[in-house]
Amino acid sequence: MYSYTVTIAFQGTNSEALIEKWIAWMTDKHLADVRQAGADRAMLVRIEESGTPTFEARYLFASAESLDRYIADHAPALRAEGLQ
């Protein structure tokens, strides 16, 4: 298995509504999109870190090739969607 981890920190915002909206998008849509794009598993983990709401999106891929294919073919569009 190959692991791909993205750390997301909400610095400069105390907006629980924004964070909850983002969590809902991650769990309802984005994690499934990454699985459809080749990940075998996808999970969201909240990290308790010095008062800054921080999360890790953790993805597992069966092979280096499937991870490379995800990064080359799918990650740019999914990252752009996440920034919106």
PDB file of N, CA and C in Angstrom:
ATOM      1  N   MET A   1       0.846  -1.186   0.000  1.00  0.00           N
ATOM      2  CA  MET A   1       0.000   0.000   0.000  1.00  0.00           C
ATOM      3  C   MET A   1       0.885   1.241   0.000  1.00  0.00           C
ATOM      4  N   TYR A   2       0.376   2.266  -0.668  1.00  0.00           N
ATOM      5  CA  TYR A   2       1.049   3.559  -0.722  1.00  0.00           C
ATOM      6  C   TYR A   2       0.117   4.599  -0.127  1.00  0.00           C
ATOM      7  N   SER A   3       0.657   5.417   0.753  1.00  0.00           N
ATOM      8  CA  SER A   3      -0.134   6.415   1.456  1.00  0.00           C
ATOM      9  C   SER A   3       0.115   7.800   0.868  1.00  0.00           C
ATOM     10  N   TYR A   4      -0.963   8.556   0.754  1.00  0.00           N
ATOM     11  CA  TYR A   4      -0.914   9.939   0.295  1.00  0.00           C
ATOM     12  C   TYR A   4      -1.704  10.740   1.320  1.00  0.00           C
ATOM     13  N   THR A   5      -1.045  11.679   1.987  1.00  0.00           N
ATOM     14  CA  THR A   5      -1.684  12.428   3.062  1.00  0.00           C
ATOM     15  C   THR A   5      -1.623  13.919   2.759  1.00  0.00           C
ATOM     16  N   VAL A   6      -2.754  14.584   2.961  1.00  0.00           N
ATOM     17  CA  VAL A   6      -2.843  16.032   2.777  1.00  0.00           C
ATOM     18  C   VAL A   6      -3.246  16.627   4.120  1.00  0.00           C
ATOM     19  N   THR A   7      -2.502  17.617   4.593  1.00  0.00           N
ATOM     20  CA  THR A   7      -2.816  18.289   5.846  1.00  0.00           C
ATOM     21  C   THR A   7      -3.508  19.611   5.541  1.00  0.00           C
ATOM     22  N   ILE A   8      -4.623  19.845   6.212  1.00  0.00           N
ATOM     23  CA  ILE A   8      -5.415  21.051   6.020  1.00  0.00           C
ATOM     24  C   ILE A   8      -5.536  21.747   7.361  1.00  0.00           C
ATOM     25  N   ALA A   9      -5.072  22.992   7.445  1.00  0.00           N
ATOM     26  CA  ALA A   9      -5.157  23.772   8.682  1.00  0.00           C
ATOM     27  C   ALA A   9      -5.956  25.037   8.406  1.00  0.00           C
ATOM     28  N   PHE A  10      -6.943  25.276   9.210  1.00  0.00           N
ATOM     29  CA  PHE A  10      -7.780  26.465   9.078  1.00  0.00           C
ATOM     30  C   PHE A  10      -7.192  27.583   9.927  1.00  0.00           C
ATOM     31  N   GLN A  11      -6.129  28.171   9.460  1.00  0.00           N
ATOM     32  CA  GLN A  11      -5.471  29.256  10.175  1.00  0.00           C
ATOM     33  C   GLN A  11      -6.215  30.559   9.909  1.00  0.00           C
ATOM     34  N   GLY A  12      -6.392  31.336  10.950  1.00  0.00           N
ATOM     35  CA  GLY A  12      -7.007  32.646  10.791  1.00  0.00           C
ATOM     36  C   GLY A  12      -8.524  32.622  10.711  1.00  0.00           C
ATOM     37  N   THR A  13      -9.132  31.499  10.986  1.00  0.00           N
ATOM     38  CA  THR A  13     -10.596  31.459  10.999  1.00  0.00           C
ATOM     39  C   THR A  13     -11.080  30.716  12.240  1.00  0.00           C
ATOM     40  N   ASN A  14     -12.072  31.266  12.846  1.00  0.00           N
ATOM     41  CA  ASN A  14     -12.737  30.597  13.956  1.00  0.00           C
ATOM     42  C   ASN A  14     -14.144  30.195  13.551  1.00  0.00           C
ATOM     43  N   SER A  15     -14.429  30.235  12.268  1.00  0.00           N
ATOM     44  CA  SER A  15     -15.773  29.974  11.761  1.00  0.00           C
ATOM     45  C   SER A  15     -16.087  28.487  11.790  1.00  0.00           C
ATOM     46  N   GLU A  16     -16.792  28.082  12.827  1.00  0.00           N
ATOM     47  CA  GLU A  16     -17.207  26.684  12.914  1.00  0.00           C
ATOM     48  C   GLU A  16     -18.141  26.325  11.766  1.00  0.00           C
ATOM     49  N   ALA A  17     -18.949  27.282  11.313  1.00  0.00           N
ATOM     50  CA  ALA A  17     -19.872  27.012  10.204  1.00  0.00           C
ATOM     51  C   ALA A  17     -19.095  26.679   8.930  1.00  0.00           C
ATOM     52  N   LEU A  18     -18.033  27.428   8.651  1.00  0.00           N
ATOM     53  CA  LEU A  18     -17.202  27.159   7.473  1.00  0.00           C
ATOM     54  C   LEU A  18     -16.533  25.792   7.590  1.00  0.00           C
ATOM     55  N   ILE A  19     -16.002  25.500   8.759  1.00  0.00           N
ATOM     56  CA  ILE A  19     -15.320  24.223   8.970  1.00  0.00           C
ATOM     57  C   ILE A  19     -16.306  23.067   8.841  1.00  0.00           C
ATOM     58  N   GLU A  20     -17.485  23.205   9.404  1.00  0.00           N
ATOM     59  CA  GLU A  20     -18.499  22.148   9.305  1.00  0.00           C
ATOM     60  C   GLU A  20     -18.942  21.947   7.852  1.00  0.00           C
ATOM     61  N   LYS A  21     -19.070  23.040   7.109  1.00  0.00           N
ATOM     62  CA  LYS A  21     -19.425  22.933   5.691  1.00  0.00           C
ATOM     63  C   LYS A  21     -18.338  22.187   4.926  1.00  0.00           C
ATOM     64  N   TRP A  22     -17.084  22.487   5.222  1.00  0.00           N
ATOM     65  CA  TRP A  22     -15.958  21.813   4.570  1.00  0.00           C
ATOM     66  C   TRP A  22     -15.927  20.328   4.934  1.00  0.00           C
ATOM     67  N   ILE A  23     -16.128  20.006   6.208  1.00  0.00           N
ATOM     68  CA  ILE A  23     -16.153  18.601   6.639  1.00  0.00           C
ATOM     69  C   ILE A  23     -17.260  17.848   5.897  1.00  0.00           C
ATOM     70  N   ALA A  24     -18.433  18.454   5.781  1.00  0.00           N
ATOM     71  CA  ALA A  24     -19.542  17.804   5.071  1.00  0.00           C
ATOM     72  C   ALA A  24     -19.164  17.562   3.609  1.00  0.00           C
ATOM     73  N   TRP A  25     -18.541  18.535   2.952  1.00  0.00           N
ATOM     74  CA  TRP A  25     -18.114  18.359   1.562  1.00  0.00           C
ATOM     75  C   TRP A  25     -17.089  17.233   1.454  1.00  0.00           C
ATOM     76  N   MET A  26     -16.134  17.209   2.377  1.00  0.00           N
ATOM     77  CA  MET A  26     -15.110  16.154   2.357  1.00  0.00           C
ATOM     78  C   MET A  26     -15.747  14.777   2.506  1.00  0.00           C
ATOM     79  N   THR A  27     -16.600  14.627   3.507  1.00  0.00           N
ATOM     80  CA  THR A  27     -17.149  13.302   3.805  1.00  0.00           C
ATOM     81  C   THR A  27     -18.254  12.894   2.835  1.00  0.00           C
ATOM     82  N   ASP A  28     -19.010  13.854   2.319  1.00  0.00           N
ATOM     83  CA  ASP A  28     -20.114  13.524   1.409  1.00  0.00           C
ATOM     84  C   ASP A  28     -19.669  13.398  -0.045  1.00  0.00           C
ATOM     85  N   LYS A  29     -18.571  14.079  -0.426  1.00  0.00           N
ATOM     86  CA  LYS A  29     -18.216  14.107  -1.828  1.00  0.00           C
ATOM     87  C   LYS A  29     -16.745  13.798  -2.114  1.00  0.00           C
ATOM     88  N   HIS A  30     -15.860  14.581  -1.537  1.00  0.00           N
ATOM     89  CA  HIS A  30     -14.458  14.525  -1.956  1.00  0.00           C
ATOM     90  C   HIS A  30     -13.799  13.163  -1.714  1.00  0.00           C
ATOM     91  N   LEU A  31     -13.988  12.594  -0.552  1.00  0.00           N
ATOM     92  CA  LEU A  31     -13.361  11.296  -0.281  1.00  0.00           C
ATOM     93  C   LEU A  31     -13.831  10.240  -1.278  1.00  0.00           C
ATOM     94  N   ALA A  32     -15.098  10.260  -1.624  1.00  0.00           N
ATOM     95  CA  ALA A  32     -15.631   9.322  -2.628  1.00  0.00           C
ATOM     96  C   ALA A  32     -15.025   9.608  -4.004  1.00  0.00           C
ATOM     97  N   ASP A  33     -14.834  10.883  -4.329  1.00  0.00           N
ATOM     98  CA  ASP A  33     -14.220  11.234  -5.617  1.00  0.00           C
ATOM     99  C   ASP A  33     -12.798  10.685  -5.722  1.00  0.00           C
ATOM    100  N   VAL A  34     -12.051  10.770  -4.637  1.00  0.00           N
ATOM    101  CA  VAL A  34     -10.679  10.254  -4.656  1.00  0.00           C
ATOM    102  C   VAL A  34     -10.691   8.729  -4.765  1.00  0.00           C
ATOM    103  N   ARG A  35     -11.631   8.074  -4.109  1.00  0.00           N
ATOM    104  CA  ARG A  35     -11.747   6.618  -4.271  1.00  0.00           C
ATOM    105  C   ARG A  35     -12.091   6.263  -5.714  1.00  0.00           C
ATOM    106  N   GLN A  36     -13.003   7.004  -6.317  1.00  0.00           N
ATOM    107  CA  GLN A  36     -13.340   6.759  -7.725  1.00  0.00           C
ATOM    108  C   GLN A  36     -12.134   6.983  -8.628  1.00  0.00           C
ATOM    109  N   ALA A  37     -11.239   7.864  -8.229  1.00  0.00           N
ATOM    110  CA  ALA A  37     -10.055   8.180  -9.032  1.00  0.00           C
ATOM    111  C   ALA A  37      -8.908   7.205  -8.786  1.00  0.00           C
ATOM    112  N   GLY A  38      -9.106   6.202  -7.915  1.00  0.00           N
ATOM    113  CA  GLY A  38      -8.093   5.175  -7.773  1.00  0.00           C
ATOM    114  C   GLY A  38      -7.664   4.785  -6.371  1.00  0.00           C
ATOM    115  N   ALA A  39      -8.053   5.543  -5.358  1.00  0.00           N
ATOM    116  CA  ALA A  39      -7.662   5.180  -3.985  1.00  0.00           C
ATOM    117  C   ALA A  39      -8.475   3.980  -3.510  1.00  0.00           C
ATOM    118  N   ASP A  40      -7.849   3.105  -2.758  1.00  0.00           N
ATOM    119  CA  ASP A  40      -8.547   1.978  -2.157  1.00  0.00           C
ATOM    120  C   ASP A  40      -9.281   2.384  -0.890  1.00  0.00           C
ATOM    121  N   ARG A  41      -8.703   3.339  -0.165  1.00  0.00           N
ATOM    122  CA  ARG A  41      -9.315   3.839   1.075  1.00  0.00           C
ATOM    123  C   ARG A  41      -9.091   5.329   1.147  1.00  0.00           C
ATOM    124  N   ALA A  42     -10.018   6.021   1.810  1.00  0.00           N
ATOM    125  CA  ALA A  42      -9.902   7.454   2.028  1.00  0.00           C
ATOM    126  C   ALA A  42     -10.566   7.780   3.356  1.00  0.00           C
ATOM    127  N   MET A  43      -9.895   8.592   4.157  1.00  0.00           N
ATOM    128  CA  MET A  43     -10.447   8.941   5.458  1.00  0.00           C
ATOM    129  C   MET A  43     -10.047  10.355   5.844  1.00  0.00           C
ATOM    130  N   LEU A  44     -10.851  10.961   6.690  1.00  0.00           N
ATOM    131  CA  LEU A  44     -10.573  12.290   7.218  1.00  0.00           C
ATOM    132  C   LEU A  44     -10.343  12.160   8.713  1.00  0.00           C
ATOM    133  N   VAL A  45      -9.232  12.724   9.179  1.00  0.00           N
ATOM    134  CA  VAL A  45      -8.853  12.636  10.593  1.00  0.00           C
ATOM    135  C   VAL A  45      -8.656  14.048  11.122  1.00  0.00           C
ATOM    136  N   ARG A  46      -9.274  14.348  12.254  1.00  0.00           N
ATOM    137  CA  ARG A  46      -9.075  15.658  12.897  1.00  0.00           C
ATOM    138  C   ARG A  46      -7.860  15.551  13.815  1.00  0.00           C
ATOM    139  N   ILE A  47      -6.969  16.521  13.699  1.00  0.00           N
ATOM    140  CA  ILE A  47      -5.746  16.564  14.503  1.00  0.00           C
ATOM    141  C   ILE A  47      -5.896  17.688  15.520  1.00  0.00           C
ATOM    142  N   GLU A  48      -5.732  17.378  16.775  1.00  0.00           N
ATOM    143  CA  GLU A  48      -5.768  18.409  17.808  1.00  0.00           C
ATOM    144  C   GLU A  48      -4.385  19.033  17.900  1.00  0.00           C
ATOM    145  N   GLU A  49      -4.289  20.269  17.424  1.00  0.00           N
ATOM    146  CA  GLU A  49      -2.973  20.896  17.307  1.00  0.00           C
ATOM    147  C   GLU A  49      -3.064  22.377  17.659  1.00  0.00           C
ATOM    148  N   SER A  50      -2.611  22.755  18.790  1.00  0.00           N
ATOM    149  CA  SER A  50      -2.431  24.141  19.235  1.00  0.00           C
ATOM    150  C   SER A  50      -3.561  25.088  18.859  1.00  0.00           C
ATOM    151  N   GLY A  51      -4.787  24.663  19.012  1.00  0.00           N
ATOM    152  CA  GLY A  51      -5.906  25.566  18.813  1.00  0.00           C
ATOM    153  C   GLY A  51      -6.286  25.856  17.374  1.00  0.00           C
ATOM    154  N   THR A  52      -5.499  25.413  16.403  1.00  0.00           N
ATOM    155  CA  THR A  52      -5.826  25.610  15.000  1.00  0.00           C
ATOM    156  C   THR A  52      -6.566  24.381  14.500  1.00  0.00           C
ATOM    157  N   PRO A  53      -7.787  24.545  13.992  1.00  0.00           N
ATOM    158  CA  PRO A  53      -8.495  23.373  13.457  1.00  0.00           C
ATOM    159  C   PRO A  53      -7.685  22.764  12.310  1.00  0.00           C
ATOM    160  N   THR A  54      -7.213  21.537  12.504  1.00  0.00           N
ATOM    161  CA  THR A  54      -6.332  20.878  11.546  1.00  0.00           C
ATOM    162  C   THR A  54      -6.853  19.479  11.262  1.00  0.00           C
ATOM    163  N   PHE A  55      -6.760  19.094  10.000  1.00  0.00           N
ATOM    164  CA  PHE A  55      -7.249  17.791   9.556  1.00  0.00           C
ATOM    165  C   PHE A  55      -6.213  17.147   8.653  1.00  0.00           C
ATOM    166  N   GLU A  56      -6.267  15.834   8.575  1.00  0.00           N
ATOM    167  CA  GLU A  56      -5.496  15.100   7.582  1.00  0.00           C
ATOM    168  C   GLU A  56      -6.469  14.285   6.749  1.00  0.00           C
ATOM    169  N   ALA A  57      -6.339  14.431   5.441  1.00  0.00           N
ATOM    170  CA  ALA A  57      -7.040  13.552   4.517  1.00  0.00           C
ATOM    171  C   ALA A  57      -6.028  12.476   4.155  1.00  0.00           C
ATOM    172  N   ARG A  58      -6.371  11.233   4.459  1.00  0.00           N
ATOM    173  CA  ARG A  58      -5.446  10.119   4.244  1.00  0.00           C
ATOM    174  C   ARG A  58      -6.021   9.179   3.188  1.00  0.00           C
ATOM    175  N   TYR A  59      -5.191   8.913   2.190  1.00  0.00           N
ATOM    176  CA  TYR A  59      -5.604   8.068   1.077  1.00  0.00           C
ATOM    177  C   TYR A  59      -4.616   6.925   0.934  1.00  0.00           C
ATOM    178  N   LEU A  60      -5.112   5.725   0.680  1.00  0.00           N
ATOM    179  CA  LEU A  60      -4.263   4.557   0.465  1.00  0.00           C
ATOM    180  C   LEU A  60      -4.478   4.045  -0.956  1.00  0.00           C
ATOM    181  N   PHE A  61      -3.373   3.777  -1.639  1.00  0.00           N
ATOM    182  CA  PHE A  61      -3.387   3.274  -3.005  1.00  0.00           C
ATOM    183  C   PHE A  61      -2.691   1.918  -3.034  1.00  0.00           C
ATOM    184  N   ALA A  62      -3.139   1.032  -3.891  1.00  0.00           N
ATOM    185  CA  ALA A  62      -2.618  -0.333  -3.953  1.00  0.00           C
ATOM    186  C   ALA A  62      -1.204  -0.389  -4.515  1.00  0.00           C
ATOM    187  N   SER A  63      -0.836   0.573  -5.348  1.00  0.00           N
ATOM    188  CA  SER A  63       0.480   0.524  -5.991  1.00  0.00           C
ATOM    189  C   SER A  63       1.005   1.929  -6.241  1.00  0.00           C
ATOM    190  N   ALA A  64       2.301   2.014  -6.478  1.00  0.00           N
ATOM    191  CA  ALA A  64       2.909   3.296  -6.829  1.00  0.00           C
ATOM    192  C   ALA A  64       2.321   3.813  -8.133  1.00  0.00           C
ATOM    193  N   GLU A  65       2.029   2.899  -9.047  1.00  0.00           N
ATOM    194  CA  GLU A  65       1.456   3.294 -10.334  1.00  0.00           C
ATOM    195  C   GLU A  65       0.080   3.924 -10.166  1.00  0.00           C
ATOM    196  N   SER A  66      -0.757   3.351  -9.315  1.00  0.00           N
ATOM    197  CA  SER A  66      -2.090   3.923  -9.118  1.00  0.00           C
ATOM    198  C   SER A  66      -2.010   5.282  -8.431  1.00  0.00           C
ATOM    199  N   LEU A  67      -1.075   5.451  -7.503  1.00  0.00           N
ATOM    200  CA  LEU A  67      -0.873   6.757  -6.869  1.00  0.00           C
ATOM    201  C   LEU A  67      -0.360   7.772  -7.889  1.00  0.00           C
ATOM    202  N   ASP A  68       0.619   7.382  -8.685  1.00  0.00           N
ATOM    203  CA  ASP A  68       1.150   8.289  -9.713  1.00  0.00           C
ATOM    204  C   ASP A  68       0.067   8.696 -10.709  1.00  0.00           C
ATOM    205  N   ARG A  69      -0.771   7.753 -11.104  1.00  0.00           N
ATOM    206  CA  ARG A  69      -1.862   8.035 -12.043  1.00  0.00           C
ATOM    207  C   ARG A  69      -2.857   9.016 -11.419  1.00  0.00           C
ATOM    208  N   TYR A  70      -3.164   8.805 -10.133  1.00  0.00           N
ATOM    209  CA  TYR A  70      -4.056   9.732  -9.436  1.00  0.00           C
ATOM    210  C   TYR A  70      -3.460  11.141  -9.425  1.00  0.00           C
ATOM    211  N   ILE A  71      -2.198  11.261  -9.043  1.00  0.00           N
ATOM    212  CA  ILE A  71      -1.555  12.578  -8.952  1.00  0.00           C
ATOM    213  C   ILE A  71      -1.518  13.266 -10.312  1.00  0.00           C
ATOM    214  N   ALA A  72      -1.223  12.525 -11.358  1.00  0.00           N
ATOM    215  CA  ALA A  72      -1.103  13.116 -12.695  1.00  0.00           C
ATOM    216  C   ALA A  72      -2.460  13.437 -13.326  1.00  0.00           C
ATOM    217  N   ASP A  73      -3.430  12.536 -13.161  1.00  0.00           N
ATOM    218  CA  ASP A  73      -4.674  12.648 -13.925  1.00  0.00           C
ATOM    219  C   ASP A  73      -5.852  13.251 -13.164  1.00  0.00           C
ATOM    220  N   HIS A  74      -5.856  13.145 -11.841  1.00  0.00           N
ATOM    221  CA  HIS A  74      -7.054  13.536 -11.092  1.00  0.00           C
ATOM    222  C   HIS A  74      -6.807  14.598 -10.020  1.00  0.00           C
ATOM    223  N   ALA A  75      -5.654  14.574  -9.380  1.00  0.00           N
ATOM    224  CA  ALA A  75      -5.405  15.464  -8.248  1.00  0.00           C
ATOM    225  C   ALA A  75      -5.555  16.947  -8.586  1.00  0.00           C
ATOM    226  N   PRO A  76      -5.047  17.440  -9.717  1.00  0.00           N
ATOM    227  CA  PRO A  76      -5.166  18.880  -9.973  1.00  0.00           C
ATOM    228  C   PRO A  76      -6.616  19.388  -9.958  1.00  0.00           C
ATOM    229  N   ALA A  77      -7.514  18.684 -10.607  1.00  0.00           N
ATOM    230  CA  ALA A  77      -8.913  19.117 -10.635  1.00  0.00           C
ATOM    231  C   ALA A  77      -9.559  19.003  -9.260  1.00  0.00           C
ATOM    232  N   LEU A  78      -9.254  17.932  -8.525  1.00  0.00           N
ATOM    233  CA  LEU A  78      -9.842  17.766  -7.196  1.00  0.00           C
ATOM    234  C   LEU A  78      -9.293  18.792  -6.208  1.00  0.00           C
ATOM    235  N   ARG A  79      -8.016  19.150  -6.342  1.00  0.00           N
ATOM    236  CA  ARG A  79      -7.448  20.215  -5.486  1.00  0.00           C
ATOM    237  C   ARG A  79      -8.138  21.548  -5.774  1.00  0.00           C
ATOM    238  N   ALA A  80      -8.325  21.856  -7.047  1.00  0.00           N
ATOM    239  CA  ALA A  80      -8.967  23.110  -7.426  1.00  0.00           C
ATOM    240  C   ALA A  80     -10.384  23.189  -6.857  1.00  0.00           C
ATOM    241  N   GLU A  81     -11.100  22.080  -6.914  1.00  0.00           N
ATOM    242  CA  GLU A  81     -12.448  22.044  -6.355  1.00  0.00           C
ATOM    243  C   GLU A  81     -12.401  22.309  -4.854  1.00  0.00           C
ATOM    244  N   GLY A  82     -11.428  21.741  -4.182  1.00  0.00           N
ATOM    245  CA  GLY A  82     -11.294  21.927  -2.739  1.00  0.00           C
ATOM    246  C   GLY A  82     -10.993  23.369  -2.346  1.00  0.00           C
ATOM    247  N   LEU A  83     -10.252  24.067  -3.182  1.00  0.00           N
ATOM    248  CA  LEU A  83      -9.929  25.457  -2.876  1.00  0.00           C
ATOM    249  C   LEU A  83     -11.124  26.377  -3.045  1.00  0.00           C
ATOM    250  N   GLN A  84     -12.100  25.965  -3.837  1.00  0.00           N
ATOM    251  CA  GLN A  84     -13.311  26.767  -4.007  1.00  0.00           C
ATOM    252  C   GLN A  84     -14.137  26.698  -2.748  1.00  0.00           C
TER     253      GLN A  84
END
